[in-house]
Amino acid sequence: MLADRVVSPARARGVPAAFQQAVATGGLQRLLDLIAPAVVLPADGGGVVRAALEPVVGAHPVADVLRRIGAASP
């Protein structure tokens, strides 16, 4: 239910930083805590870099993709 996912404005402002830190450090559980169970991650490499051909669906698969992207980033 959507009402279960409503957060305060103060907490919402902290989510981007927490998300970025979780991706950068590979914190899989922290990513899972931040993203919705039914999240969908579309990808487009713009013909320049490899990207998933189909959207990645679900919290665990999306968190894993984001963790791998974070690990590959300088």
Protein backbone atom coordinates (compact mmCIF):
# COMPACT_ATOMS: atom_id res chain seq x y z
CA MET A 1 0.00 0.00 0.00
CA LEU A 2 1.31 3.46 -0.91
CA ALA A 3 0.54 4.90 2.52
CA ASP A 4 3.08 2.47 3.97
CA ARG A 5 5.81 4.10 1.82
CA VAL A 6 5.14 7.75 2.76
CA VAL A 7 8.18 9.35 4.40
CA SER A 8 8.82 12.71 5.99
CA PRO A 9 10.37 15.46 3.87
CA ALA A 10 13.47 15.42 6.09
CA ARG A 11 14.01 11.70 5.53
CA ALA A 12 13.30 12.05 1.80
CA ARG A 13 16.07 14.67 1.50
CA GLY A 14 18.58 12.17 2.92
CA VAL A 15 17.70 9.35 0.53
CA PRO A 16 19.81 10.45 -2.47
CA ALA A 17 22.98 10.70 -0.37
CA ALA A 18 22.30 7.35 1.31
CA PHE A 19 21.62 5.78 -2.08
CA GLN A 20 24.82 7.19 -3.57
CA GLN A 21 26.87 5.98 -0.60
CA ALA A 22 25.33 2.50 -0.76
CA VAL A 23 26.17 2.22 -4.48
CA ALA A 24 29.70 3.55 -3.96
CA THR A 25 30.46 1.20 -1.07
CA GLY A 26 28.66 -1.85 -2.43
CA GLY A 27 26.26 -1.93 0.51
CA LEU A 28 23.79 -4.44 -0.93
CA GLN A 29 21.55 -4.55 2.15
CA ARG A 30 21.48 -0.75 2.37
CA LEU A 31 20.41 -0.58 -1.29
CA LEU A 32 17.65 -3.10 -0.60
CA ASP A 33 16.49 -0.95 2.31
CA LEU A 34 16.24 2.10 0.03
CA ILE A 35 14.55 0.76 -3.09
CA ALA A 36 11.02 -0.52 -3.58
CA PRO A 37 10.53 -4.29 -3.93
CA ALA A 38 9.00 -3.87 -7.42
CA VAL A 39 11.58 -1.36 -8.70
CA VAL A 40 12.29 -1.32 -12.46
CA LEU A 41 15.64 -0.14 -13.82
CA PRO A 42 15.60 0.71 -17.53
CA ALA A 43 19.03 0.94 -19.13
CA ASP A 44 20.36 2.71 -22.18
CA GLY A 45 24.04 2.81 -23.01
CA GLY A 46 23.40 5.24 -25.85
CA GLY A 47 25.31 2.97 -28.19
CA VAL A 48 28.48 3.92 -26.32
CA VAL A 49 28.59 1.51 -23.38
CA ARG A 50 27.08 -1.91 -22.71
CA ALA A 51 23.68 -1.89 -21.07
CA ALA A 52 20.94 -4.36 -20.27
CA LEU A 53 18.73 -5.02 -23.29
CA GLU A 54 15.62 -5.40 -21.13
CA PRO A 55 14.65 -3.50 -17.97
CA VAL A 56 15.96 -5.03 -14.75
CA VAL A 57 13.01 -5.85 -12.47
CA GLY A 58 12.94 -6.42 -8.72
CA ALA A 59 14.87 -5.11 -5.72
CA HIS A 60 17.56 -7.81 -5.59
CA PRO A 61 18.44 -7.77 -9.32
CA VAL A 62 18.44 -3.96 -9.43
CA ALA A 63 20.55 -3.68 -6.27
CA ASP A 64 23.03 -6.16 -7.72
CA VAL A 65 23.33 -4.20 -10.98
CA LEU A 66 23.81 -0.93 -9.09
CA ARG A 67 26.38 -2.54 -6.79
CA ARG A 68 28.36 -3.80 -9.82
CA ILE A 69 28.18 -0.38 -11.50
CA GLY A 70 29.43 1.24 -8.30
CA ALA A 71 32.30 -1.23 -8.04
CA ALA A 72 33.36 -0.49 -11.62
CA SER A 73 33.30 3.30 -11.14
CA PRO A 74 36.49 5.11 -10.13
